[in-house]
């Protein structure tokens, strides 16, 4: 079982969560985006075609339980053409 540790760093006065895994550290994009323009910016960013495509690729690589069918639905709602997934 891998051990995950959460810590907080301060970046220009904003608290950003850092998750430490044996494979590496991950920073919270949500915390960073909230610091920029709040929740509106996050929802706008998540509708961006390139963001959705990036997240799909990331999930395919790092998430063994990635739900390809659900992602195809999300991807189509973002306006991307459904293509071959792998």
PDB file of N, CA and C in Angstrom:
ATOM      1  N   UNK A   1       0.851  -1.177   0.000  1.00  0.00           N
ATOM      2  CA  UNK A   1       0.000   0.000   0.000  1.00  0.00           C
ATOM      3  C   UNK A   1       0.894   1.237   0.000  1.00  0.00           C
ATOM      4  N   UNK A   2       0.634   2.156  -0.909  1.00  0.00           N
ATOM      5  CA  UNK A   2       1.453   3.354  -0.980  1.00  0.00           C
ATOM      6  C   UNK A   2       0.973   4.379   0.036  1.00  0.00           C
ATOM      7  N   UNK A   3       1.896   5.110   0.574  1.00  0.00           N
ATOM      8  CA  UNK A   3       1.602   6.112   1.590  1.00  0.00           C
ATOM      9  C   UNK A   3       1.507   7.485   0.932  1.00  0.00           C
ATOM     10  N   UNK A   4       0.413   8.180   1.175  1.00  0.00           N
ATOM     11  CA  UNK A   4       0.198   9.519   0.655  1.00  0.00           C
ATOM     12  C   UNK A   4       0.258  10.499   1.812  1.00  0.00           C
ATOM     13  N   UNK A   5       0.967  11.595   1.599  1.00  0.00           N
ATOM     14  CA  UNK A   5       1.075  12.622   2.628  1.00  0.00           C
ATOM     15  C   UNK A   5       0.642  13.958   2.036  1.00  0.00           C
ATOM     16  N   UNK A   6      -0.150  14.705   2.778  1.00  0.00           N
ATOM     17  CA  UNK A   6      -0.610  16.008   2.307  1.00  0.00           C
ATOM     18  C   UNK A   6       0.066  17.092   3.129  1.00  0.00           C
ATOM     19  N   UNK A   7       0.558  18.102   2.442  1.00  0.00           N
ATOM     20  CA  UNK A   7       1.110  19.265   3.125  1.00  0.00           C
ATOM     21  C   UNK A   7       0.627  20.512   2.401  1.00  0.00           C
ATOM     22  N   UNK A   8       0.860  21.634   3.006  1.00  0.00           N
ATOM     23  CA  UNK A   8       0.432  22.912   2.458  1.00  0.00           C
ATOM     24  C   UNK A   8       1.670  23.790   2.282  1.00  0.00           C
ATOM     25  N   UNK A   9       1.761  24.436   1.122  1.00  0.00           N
ATOM     26  CA  UNK A   9       2.800  25.431   0.913  1.00  0.00           C
ATOM     27  C   UNK A   9       2.129  26.778   0.662  1.00  0.00           C
ATOM     28  N   UNK A  10       2.831  27.847   0.978  1.00  0.00           N
ATOM     29  CA  UNK A  10       2.306  29.193   0.722  1.00  0.00           C
ATOM     30  C   UNK A  10       3.043  29.757  -0.488  1.00  0.00           C
ATOM     31  N   UNK A  11       2.269  30.189  -1.482  1.00  0.00           N
ATOM     32  CA  UNK A  11       2.826  30.784  -2.688  1.00  0.00           C
ATOM     33  C   UNK A  11       2.195  32.167  -2.846  1.00  0.00           C
ATOM     34  N   UNK A  12       2.981  33.182  -2.702  1.00  0.00           N
ATOM     35  CA  UNK A  12       2.514  34.564  -2.785  1.00  0.00           C
ATOM     36  C   UNK A  12       1.259  34.783  -1.939  1.00  0.00           C
ATOM     37  N   UNK A  13       1.293  34.244  -0.717  1.00  0.00           N
ATOM     38  CA  UNK A  13       0.197  34.438   0.221  1.00  0.00           C
ATOM     39  C   UNK A  13      -0.982  33.497   0.049  1.00  0.00           C
ATOM     40  N   UNK A  14      -0.905  32.559  -0.880  1.00  0.00           N
ATOM     41  CA  UNK A  14      -1.995  31.610  -1.127  1.00  0.00           C
ATOM     42  C   UNK A  14      -1.559  30.215  -0.687  1.00  0.00           C
ATOM     43  N   UNK A  15      -2.441  29.536   0.049  1.00  0.00           N
ATOM     44  CA  UNK A  15      -2.147  28.165   0.469  1.00  0.00           C
ATOM     45  C   UNK A  15      -2.458  27.197  -0.664  1.00  0.00           C
ATOM     46  N   UNK A  16      -1.484  26.365  -0.991  1.00  0.00           N
ATOM     47  CA  UNK A  16      -1.606  25.372  -2.062  1.00  0.00           C
ATOM     48  C   UNK A  16      -1.306  23.999  -1.467  1.00  0.00           C
ATOM     49  N   UNK A  17      -2.221  23.056  -1.662  1.00  0.00           N
ATOM     50  CA  UNK A  17      -2.021  21.693  -1.165  1.00  0.00           C
ATOM     51  C   UNK A  17      -1.014  20.958  -2.053  1.00  0.00           C
ATOM     52  N   UNK A  18      -0.182  20.148  -1.390  1.00  0.00           N
ATOM     53  CA  UNK A  18       0.780  19.290  -2.082  1.00  0.00           C
ATOM     54  C   UNK A  18       0.561  17.865  -1.579  1.00  0.00           C
ATOM     55  N   UNK A  19       0.294  16.952  -2.508  1.00  0.00           N
ATOM     56  CA  UNK A  19       0.139  15.541  -2.154  1.00  0.00           C
ATOM     57  C   UNK A  19       1.437  14.828  -2.516  1.00  0.00           C
ATOM     58  N   UNK A  20       2.044  14.192  -1.533  1.00  0.00           N
ATOM     59  CA  UNK A  20       3.294  13.470  -1.759  1.00  0.00           C
ATOM     60  C   UNK A  20       3.016  11.980  -1.818  1.00  0.00           C
ATOM     61  N   UNK A  21       3.395  11.383  -2.934  1.00  0.00           N
ATOM     62  CA  UNK A  21       3.276   9.946  -3.156  1.00  0.00           C
ATOM     63  C   UNK A  21       4.677   9.395  -3.378  1.00  0.00           C
ATOM     64  N   UNK A  22       4.864   8.101  -3.233  1.00  0.00           N
ATOM     65  CA  UNK A  22       6.176   7.530  -3.541  1.00  0.00           C
ATOM     66  C   UNK A  22       6.625   7.814  -4.986  1.00  0.00           C
ATOM     67  N   UNK A  23       5.671   7.961  -5.913  1.00  0.00           N
ATOM     68  CA  UNK A  23       5.994   8.222  -7.311  1.00  0.00           C
ATOM     69  C   UNK A  23       6.373   9.680  -7.561  1.00  0.00           C
ATOM     70  N   UNK A  24       6.005  10.587  -6.659  1.00  0.00           N
ATOM     71  CA  UNK A  24       6.306  12.001  -6.837  1.00  0.00           C
ATOM     72  C   UNK A  24       5.288  12.870  -6.136  1.00  0.00           C
ATOM     73  N   UNK A  25       5.514  14.164  -6.199  1.00  0.00           N
ATOM     74  CA  UNK A  25       4.632  15.124  -5.563  1.00  0.00           C
ATOM     75  C   UNK A  25       3.690  15.735  -6.589  1.00  0.00           C
ATOM     76  N   UNK A  26       2.474  16.057  -6.140  1.00  0.00           N
ATOM     77  CA  UNK A  26       1.465  16.676  -6.996  1.00  0.00           C
ATOM     78  C   UNK A  26       0.929  17.909  -6.295  1.00  0.00           C
ATOM     79  N   UNK A  27       0.857  19.027  -7.022  1.00  0.00           N
ATOM     80  CA  UNK A  27       0.294  20.246  -6.460  1.00  0.00           C
ATOM     81  C   UNK A  27      -1.166  20.360  -6.880  1.00  0.00           C
ATOM     82  N   UNK A  28      -1.936  21.069  -6.090  1.00  0.00           N
ATOM     83  CA  UNK A  28      -3.365  21.213  -6.367  1.00  0.00           C
ATOM     84  C   UNK A  28      -3.602  22.325  -7.385  1.00  0.00           C
ATOM     85  N   UNK A  29      -4.007  21.931  -8.575  1.00  0.00           N
ATOM     86  CA  UNK A  29      -4.358  22.922  -9.593  1.00  0.00           C
ATOM     87  C   UNK A  29      -5.589  23.711  -9.160  1.00  0.00           C
ATOM     88  N   UNK A  30      -6.491  23.058  -8.463  1.00  0.00           N
ATOM     89  CA  UNK A  30      -7.698  23.730  -7.990  1.00  0.00           C
ATOM     90  C   UNK A  30      -7.337  24.886  -7.060  1.00  0.00           C
ATOM     91  N   UNK A  31      -6.432  24.645  -6.120  1.00  0.00           N
ATOM     92  CA  UNK A  31      -6.015  25.714  -5.210  1.00  0.00           C
ATOM     93  C   UNK A  31      -5.365  26.854  -5.983  1.00  0.00           C
ATOM     94  N   UNK A  32      -4.548  26.539  -6.952  1.00  0.00           N
ATOM     95  CA  UNK A  32      -3.881  27.577  -7.733  1.00  0.00           C
ATOM     96  C   UNK A  32      -4.887  28.386  -8.539  1.00  0.00           C
ATOM     97  N   UNK A  33      -5.851  27.717  -9.151  1.00  0.00           N
ATOM     98  CA  UNK A  33      -6.836  28.417  -9.967  1.00  0.00           C
ATOM     99  C   UNK A  33      -7.781  29.265  -9.121  1.00  0.00           C
ATOM    100  N   UNK A  34      -8.147  28.774  -7.940  1.00  0.00           N
ATOM    101  CA  UNK A  34      -9.006  29.560  -7.051  1.00  0.00           C
ATOM    102  C   UNK A  34      -8.305  30.858  -6.664  1.00  0.00           C
ATOM    103  N   UNK A  35      -7.003  30.788  -6.485  1.00  0.00           N
ATOM    104  CA  UNK A  35      -6.249  31.984  -6.118  1.00  0.00           C
ATOM    105  C   UNK A  35      -6.253  33.002  -7.252  1.00  0.00           C
ATOM    106  N   UNK A  36      -6.349  32.532  -8.471  1.00  0.00           N
ATOM    107  CA  UNK A  36      -6.317  33.447  -9.613  1.00  0.00           C
ATOM    108  C   UNK A  36      -7.637  34.197  -9.769  1.00  0.00           C
ATOM    109  N   UNK A  37      -8.711  33.480 -10.030  1.00  0.00           N
ATOM    110  CA  UNK A  37      -9.983  34.138 -10.319  1.00  0.00           C
ATOM    111  C   UNK A  37     -11.179  33.449  -9.673  1.00  0.00           C
ATOM    112  N   UNK A  38     -10.964  32.653  -8.675  1.00  0.00           N
ATOM    113  CA  UNK A  38     -12.073  32.012  -7.987  1.00  0.00           C
ATOM    114  C   UNK A  38     -12.660  30.844  -8.761  1.00  0.00           C
ATOM    115  N   UNK A  39     -13.824  30.390  -8.304  1.00  0.00           N
ATOM    116  CA  UNK A  39     -14.468  29.212  -8.874  1.00  0.00           C
ATOM    117  C   UNK A  39     -14.883  29.403 -10.327  1.00  0.00           C
ATOM    118  N   UNK A  40     -15.215  30.635 -10.716  1.00  0.00           N
ATOM    119  CA  UNK A  40     -15.627  30.868 -12.105  1.00  0.00           C
ATOM    120  C   UNK A  40     -14.507  30.488 -13.065  1.00  0.00           C
ATOM    121  N   UNK A  41     -13.292  30.858 -12.728  1.00  0.00           N
ATOM    122  CA  UNK A  41     -12.158  30.548 -13.591  1.00  0.00           C
ATOM    123  C   UNK A  41     -11.975  29.042 -13.730  1.00  0.00           C
ATOM    124  N   UNK A  42     -12.190  28.308 -12.644  1.00  0.00           N
ATOM    125  CA  UNK A  42     -12.035  26.850 -12.678  1.00  0.00           C
ATOM    126  C   UNK A  42     -13.055  26.235 -13.640  1.00  0.00           C
ATOM    127  N   UNK A  43     -14.318  26.628 -13.536  1.00  0.00           N
ATOM    128  CA  UNK A  43     -15.329  26.042 -14.425  1.00  0.00           C
ATOM    129  C   UNK A  43     -15.057  26.427 -15.873  1.00  0.00           C
ATOM    130  N   UNK A  44     -14.582  27.643 -16.095  1.00  0.00           N
ATOM    131  CA  UNK A  44     -14.234  28.075 -17.446  1.00  0.00           C
ATOM    132  C   UNK A  44     -13.056  27.258 -17.982  1.00  0.00           C
ATOM    133  N   UNK A  45     -12.060  27.053 -17.143  1.00  0.00           N
ATOM    134  CA  UNK A  45     -10.871  26.290 -17.516  1.00  0.00           C
ATOM    135  C   UNK A  45     -11.232  24.838 -17.846  1.00  0.00           C
ATOM    136  N   UNK A  46     -12.149  24.251 -17.071  1.00  0.00           N
ATOM    137  CA  UNK A  46     -12.521  22.860 -17.301  1.00  0.00           C
ATOM    138  C   UNK A  46     -13.365  22.662 -18.562  1.00  0.00           C
ATOM    139  N   UNK A  47     -13.940  23.727 -19.107  1.00  0.00           N
ATOM    140  CA  UNK A  47     -14.676  23.621 -20.368  1.00  0.00           C
ATOM    141  C   UNK A  47     -13.761  23.770 -21.579  1.00  0.00           C
ATOM    142  N   UNK A  48     -12.528  24.171 -21.337  1.00  0.00           N
ATOM    143  CA  UNK A  48     -11.581  24.371 -22.418  1.00  0.00           C
ATOM    144  C   UNK A  48     -11.236  23.036 -23.070  1.00  0.00           C
ATOM    145  N   UNK A  49     -11.286  22.973 -24.387  1.00  0.00           N
ATOM    146  CA  UNK A  49     -11.017  21.730 -25.116  1.00  0.00           C
ATOM    147  C   UNK A  49      -9.647  21.147 -24.785  1.00  0.00           C
ATOM    148  N   UNK A  50      -8.638  22.005 -24.752  1.00  0.00           N
ATOM    149  CA  UNK A  50      -7.284  21.519 -24.504  1.00  0.00           C
ATOM    150  C   UNK A  50      -7.136  20.976 -23.087  1.00  0.00           C
ATOM    151  N   UNK A  51      -7.801  21.597 -22.126  1.00  0.00           N
ATOM    152  CA  UNK A  51      -7.755  21.114 -20.749  1.00  0.00           C
ATOM    153  C   UNK A  51      -8.379  19.730 -20.650  1.00  0.00           C
ATOM    154  N   UNK A  52      -9.545  19.560 -21.248  1.00  0.00           N
ATOM    155  CA  UNK A  52     -10.236  18.271 -21.206  1.00  0.00           C
ATOM    156  C   UNK A  52      -9.370  17.194 -21.871  1.00  0.00           C
ATOM    157  N   UNK A  53      -8.778  17.510 -22.986  1.00  0.00           N
ATOM    158  CA  UNK A  53      -7.916  16.542 -23.675  1.00  0.00           C
ATOM    159  C   UNK A  53      -6.709  16.180 -22.815  1.00  0.00           C
ATOM    160  N   UNK A  54      -6.077  17.173 -22.209  1.00  0.00           N
ATOM    161  CA  UNK A  54      -4.931  16.932 -21.332  1.00  0.00           C
ATOM    162  C   UNK A  54      -5.318  16.031 -20.163  1.00  0.00           C
ATOM    163  N   UNK A  55      -6.446  16.341 -19.507  1.00  0.00           N
ATOM    164  CA  UNK A  55      -6.883  15.543 -18.363  1.00  0.00           C
ATOM    165  C   UNK A  55      -7.181  14.101 -18.771  1.00  0.00           C
ATOM    166  N   UNK A  56      -7.742  13.916 -19.963  1.00  0.00           N
ATOM    167  CA  UNK A  56      -8.002  12.561 -20.451  1.00  0.00           C
ATOM    168  C   UNK A  56      -6.716  11.772 -20.658  1.00  0.00           C
ATOM    169  N   UNK A  57      -5.723  12.410 -21.231  1.00  0.00           N
ATOM    170  CA  UNK A  57      -4.428  11.746 -21.441  1.00  0.00           C
ATOM    171  C   UNK A  57      -3.788  11.416 -20.101  1.00  0.00           C
ATOM    172  N   UNK A  58      -3.808  12.375 -19.183  1.00  0.00           N
ATOM    173  CA  UNK A  58      -3.232  12.161 -17.849  1.00  0.00           C
ATOM    174  C   UNK A  58      -3.900  10.964 -17.168  1.00  0.00           C
ATOM    175  N   UNK A  59      -5.217  10.929 -17.205  1.00  0.00           N
ATOM    176  CA  UNK A  59      -5.951   9.839 -16.567  1.00  0.00           C
ATOM    177  C   UNK A  59      -5.644   8.486 -17.216  1.00  0.00           C
ATOM    178  N   UNK A  60      -5.563   8.452 -18.539  1.00  0.00           N
ATOM    179  CA  UNK A  60      -5.241   7.182 -19.220  1.00  0.00           C
ATOM    180  C   UNK A  60      -3.890   6.649 -18.773  1.00  0.00           C
ATOM    181  N   UNK A  61      -2.931   7.549 -18.555  1.00  0.00           N
ATOM    182  CA  UNK A  61      -1.582   7.132 -18.166  1.00  0.00           C
ATOM    183  C   UNK A  61      -1.525   6.701 -16.706  1.00  0.00           C
ATOM    184  N   UNK A  62      -2.145   7.476 -15.818  1.00  0.00           N
ATOM    185  CA  UNK A  62      -1.930   7.288 -14.384  1.00  0.00           C
ATOM    186  C   UNK A  62      -3.087   6.661 -13.615  1.00  0.00           C
ATOM    187  N   UNK A  63      -4.235   6.487 -14.229  1.00  0.00           N
ATOM    188  CA  UNK A  63      -5.386   5.961 -13.507  1.00  0.00           C
ATOM    189  C   UNK A  63      -5.800   4.608 -14.086  1.00  0.00           C
ATOM    190  N   UNK A  64      -5.462   3.516 -13.410  1.00  0.00           N
ATOM    191  CA  UNK A  64      -5.825   2.202 -13.930  1.00  0.00           C
ATOM    192  C   UNK A  64      -7.336   1.964 -13.977  1.00  0.00           C
ATOM    193  N   UNK A  65      -8.117   2.756 -13.239  1.00  0.00           N
ATOM    194  CA  UNK A  65      -9.561   2.613 -13.217  1.00  0.00           C
ATOM    195  C   UNK A  65     -10.262   3.672 -14.072  1.00  0.00           C
ATOM    196  N   UNK A  66      -9.518   4.279 -14.990  1.00  0.00           N
ATOM    197  CA  UNK A  66     -10.068   5.342 -15.828  1.00  0.00           C
ATOM    198  C   UNK A  66     -11.298   4.852 -16.583  1.00  0.00           C
ATOM    199  N   UNK A  67     -12.365   5.642 -16.547  1.00  0.00           N
ATOM    200  CA  UNK A  67     -13.630   5.280 -17.178  1.00  0.00           C
ATOM    201  C   UNK A  67     -13.678   5.906 -18.576  1.00  0.00           C
ATOM    202  N   UNK A  68     -13.281   5.149 -19.577  1.00  0.00           N
ATOM    203  CA  UNK A  68     -13.208   5.649 -20.958  1.00  0.00           C
ATOM    204  C   UNK A  68     -14.576   6.074 -21.482  1.00  0.00           C
ATOM    205  N   UNK A  69     -15.614   5.341 -21.137  1.00  0.00           N
ATOM    206  CA  UNK A  69     -16.956   5.669 -21.612  1.00  0.00           C
ATOM    207  C   UNK A  69     -17.439   6.994 -21.066  1.00  0.00           C
ATOM    208  N   UNK A  70     -17.247   7.209 -19.778  1.00  0.00           N
ATOM    209  CA  UNK A  70     -17.651   8.473 -19.158  1.00  0.00           C
ATOM    210  C   UNK A  70     -16.838   9.632 -19.723  1.00  0.00           C
ATOM    211  N   UNK A  71     -15.541   9.384 -19.943  1.00  0.00           N
ATOM    212  CA  UNK A  71     -14.707  10.440 -20.510  1.00  0.00           C
ATOM    213  C   UNK A  71     -15.161  10.806 -21.921  1.00  0.00           C
ATOM    214  N   UNK A  72     -15.579   9.835 -22.699  1.00  0.00           N
ATOM    215  CA  UNK A  72     -16.060  10.123 -24.052  1.00  0.00           C
ATOM    216  C   UNK A  72     -17.250  11.076 -24.005  1.00  0.00           C
ATOM    217  N   UNK A  73     -18.117  10.900 -23.004  1.00  0.00           N
ATOM    218  CA  UNK A  73     -19.264  11.799 -22.846  1.00  0.00           C
ATOM    219  C   UNK A  73     -18.793  13.211 -22.495  1.00  0.00           C
ATOM    220  N   UNK A  74     -17.901  13.305 -21.539  1.00  0.00           N
ATOM    221  CA  UNK A  74     -17.374  14.611 -21.129  1.00  0.00           C
ATOM    222  C   UNK A  74     -16.656  15.282 -22.300  1.00  0.00           C
ATOM    223  N   UNK A  75     -15.872  14.498 -22.992  1.00  0.00           N
ATOM    224  CA  UNK A  75     -15.103  15.021 -24.130  1.00  0.00           C
ATOM    225  C   UNK A  75     -16.038  15.564 -25.219  1.00  0.00           C
ATOM    226  N   UNK A  76     -17.116  14.863 -25.485  1.00  0.00           N
ATOM    227  CA  UNK A  76     -18.043  15.314 -26.525  1.00  0.00           C
ATOM    228  C   UNK A  76     -18.766  16.590 -26.091  1.00  0.00           C
ATOM    229  N   UNK A  77     -19.033  16.739 -24.811  1.00  0.00           N
ATOM    230  CA  UNK A  77     -19.679  17.948 -24.309  1.00  0.00           C
ATOM    231  C   UNK A  77     -18.750  19.152 -24.373  1.00  0.00           C
ATOM    232  N   UNK A  78     -17.443  18.892 -24.376  1.00  0.00           N
ATOM    233  CA  UNK A  78     -16.474  19.984 -24.493  1.00  0.00           C
ATOM    234  C   UNK A  78     -16.275  20.365 -25.949  1.00  0.00           C
ATOM    235  N   UNK A  79     -16.945  19.665 -26.849  1.00  0.00           N
ATOM    236  CA  UNK A  79     -16.858  20.013 -28.261  1.00  0.00           C
ATOM    237  C   UNK A  79     -15.772  19.285 -29.021  1.00  0.00           C
ATOM    238  N   UNK A  80     -15.130  18.317 -28.403  1.00  0.00           N
ATOM    239  CA  UNK A  80     -14.099  17.552 -29.093  1.00  0.00           C
ATOM    240  C   UNK A  80     -14.725  16.424 -29.894  1.00  0.00           C
ATOM    241  N   UNK A  81     -14.137  16.118 -31.008  1.00  0.00           N
ATOM    242  CA  UNK A  81     -14.581  14.984 -31.802  1.00  0.00           C
ATOM    243  C   UNK A  81     -14.113  13.707 -31.123  1.00  0.00           C
ATOM    244  N   UNK A  82     -15.008  12.741 -31.003  1.00  0.00           N
ATOM    245  CA  UNK A  82     -14.628  11.471 -30.391  1.00  0.00           C
ATOM    246  C   UNK A  82     -13.785  10.701 -31.393  1.00  0.00           C
ATOM    247  N   UNK A  83     -12.615  10.351 -30.945  1.00  0.00           N
ATOM    248  CA  UNK A  83     -11.692   9.612 -31.792  1.00  0.00           C
ATOM    249  C   UNK A  83     -11.228   8.368 -31.092  1.00  0.00           C
ATOM    250  N   UNK A  84     -10.244   7.728 -31.644  1.00  0.00           N
ATOM    251  CA  UNK A  84      -9.672   6.540 -31.044  1.00  0.00           C
ATOM    252  C   UNK A  84      -8.991   6.920 -29.739  1.00  0.00           C
ATOM    253  N   UNK A  85      -9.205   6.142 -28.669  1.00  0.00           N
ATOM    254  CA  UNK A  85      -8.695   6.478 -27.338  1.00  0.00           C
ATOM    255  C   UNK A  85      -7.337   5.855 -27.026  1.00  0.00           C
ATOM    256  N   UNK A  86      -6.741   5.159 -27.859  1.00  0.00           N
ATOM    257  CA  UNK A  86      -5.488   4.565 -27.414  1.00  0.00           C
ATOM    258  C   UNK A  86      -4.772   3.960 -28.460  1.00  0.00           C
TER     259      UNK A  86
END
